Amino acid sequence: MSYGVRTWDHTGNIQLDIDRRILQIVSVVNMGTPVRNQWYSFGVPGMTPNGQWFVLCPNNPFDLQIQNGQFSILLRGTMFPETTVYVFRF
């Protein structure tokens, strides 16, 4: 099994068996109230532009650049107090 998760109960019966990739939350960045149309960069150890990373910023349209060890985000929408960015890896 290359990807997924498998769990058993106390008698040895399989309770959960997922054999595909699942998302792993790698980082949560609280940005406070960011300035609109300004690039922000954040370090994420191990991050590479290989298609296995996913960045989400709810309620805000954004542009994204993923580099080795970091990502940069440009928020374009209405700025909300306590904007949070989530980083996932497949």
Protein backbone atom coordinates (compact mmCIF):
# COMPACT_ATOMS: atom_id res chain seq x y z
CA MET A 1 0.00 0.00 0.00
CA SER A 2 1.78 3.13 -1.25
CA TYR A 3 -0.86 5.63 -0.13
CA GLY A 4 -3.79 5.77 2.22
CA VAL A 5 -4.61 4.52 5.66
CA ARG A 6 -5.64 1.18 7.14
CA THR A 7 -6.93 0.66 10.69
CA TRP A 8 -8.08 -2.40 12.64
CA ASP A 9 -10.26 -2.88 15.70
CA HIS A 10 -9.16 -4.75 18.84
CA THR A 11 -10.11 -8.14 17.30
CA GLY A 12 -8.12 -7.61 14.10
CA ASN A 13 -11.00 -6.69 11.78
CA ILE A 14 -10.26 -3.93 9.27
CA GLN A 15 -12.31 -0.84 10.14
CA LEU A 16 -10.96 1.62 7.57
CA ASP A 17 -9.09 0.89 4.33
CA ILE A 18 -8.33 3.75 1.96
CA ASP A 19 -5.80 2.95 -0.75
CA ARG A 20 -5.56 6.32 -2.43
CA ARG A 21 -3.81 9.54 -1.56
CA ILE A 22 -5.32 11.59 1.21
CA LEU A 23 -4.65 15.25 2.03
CA GLN A 24 -2.23 16.10 4.78
CA ILE A 25 -2.51 19.52 6.41
CA VAL A 26 1.04 20.85 6.39
CA SER A 27 0.63 24.44 7.53
CA VAL A 28 -1.97 26.98 8.62
CA VAL A 29 -0.98 30.63 8.24
CA ASN A 30 -2.95 33.35 10.02
CA MET A 31 -2.33 36.55 8.08
CA GLY A 32 -4.29 39.01 10.21
CA THR A 33 -5.82 41.58 7.84
CA PRO A 34 -3.60 41.59 4.75
CA VAL A 35 -3.21 44.45 2.28
CA ARG A 36 -4.95 43.87 -1.04
CA ASN A 37 -2.83 43.29 -4.19
CA GLN A 38 0.40 42.75 -2.27
CA TRP A 39 2.50 39.57 -2.47
CA TYR A 40 3.14 37.66 0.78
CA SER A 41 5.66 34.81 1.05
CA PHE A 42 5.70 32.03 3.64
CA GLY A 43 8.25 29.29 4.20
CA VAL A 44 7.10 25.66 4.15
CA PRO A 45 9.88 23.09 4.66
CA GLY A 46 9.92 20.50 1.88
CA MET A 47 7.54 22.37 -0.42
CA THR A 48 8.36 21.99 -4.12
CA PRO A 49 6.50 22.91 -7.32
CA ASN A 50 5.82 19.23 -8.14
CA GLY A 51 1.99 19.20 -8.26
CA GLN A 52 1.61 17.56 -4.84
CA TRP A 53 0.86 20.79 -2.94
CA PHE A 54 -2.46 22.61 -2.58
CA VAL A 55 -3.01 26.06 -1.05
CA LEU A 56 -6.45 27.32 0.00
CA CYS A 57 -7.48 30.79 1.11
CA PRO A 58 -11.26 30.73 1.72
CA ASN A 59 -13.29 33.83 0.80
CA ASN A 60 -10.46 35.44 -1.18
CA PRO A 61 -9.51 35.03 -4.85
CA PHE A 62 -5.74 34.78 -5.10
CA ASP A 63 -2.73 34.20 -7.33
CA LEU A 64 -0.21 31.62 -6.19
CA GLN A 65 3.44 30.85 -6.84
CA ILE A 66 5.02 27.73 -5.35
CA GLN A 67 8.81 27.67 -5.10
CA ASN A 68 11.24 25.34 -3.35
CA GLY A 69 10.64 25.72 0.37
CA GLN A 70 8.02 28.47 0.16
CA PHE A 71 4.90 29.83 -1.50
CA SER A 72 3.86 33.37 -2.39
CA ILE A 73 0.27 34.51 -2.47
CA LEU A 74 -1.34 37.64 -3.90
CA LEU A 75 -4.82 38.28 -2.48
CA ARG A 76 -7.18 40.03 -4.90
CA GLY A 77 -10.59 40.15 -3.21
CA THR A 78 -12.14 41.96 -0.29
CA MET A 79 -9.85 41.65 2.70
CA PHE A 80 -11.37 39.95 5.71
CA PRO A 81 -10.05 40.28 9.25
CA GLU A 82 -8.07 37.23 10.30
CA THR A 83 -7.45 35.85 6.82
CA THR A 84 -6.19 32.25 7.05
CA VAL A 85 -4.27 30.29 4.41
CA TYR A 86 -4.18 26.48 4.52
CA VAL A 87 -1.39 24.41 2.93
CA PHE A 88 -2.02 20.75 2.05
CA ARG A 89 0.03 17.98 0.49
CA PHE A 90 -1.33 14.99 -1.40
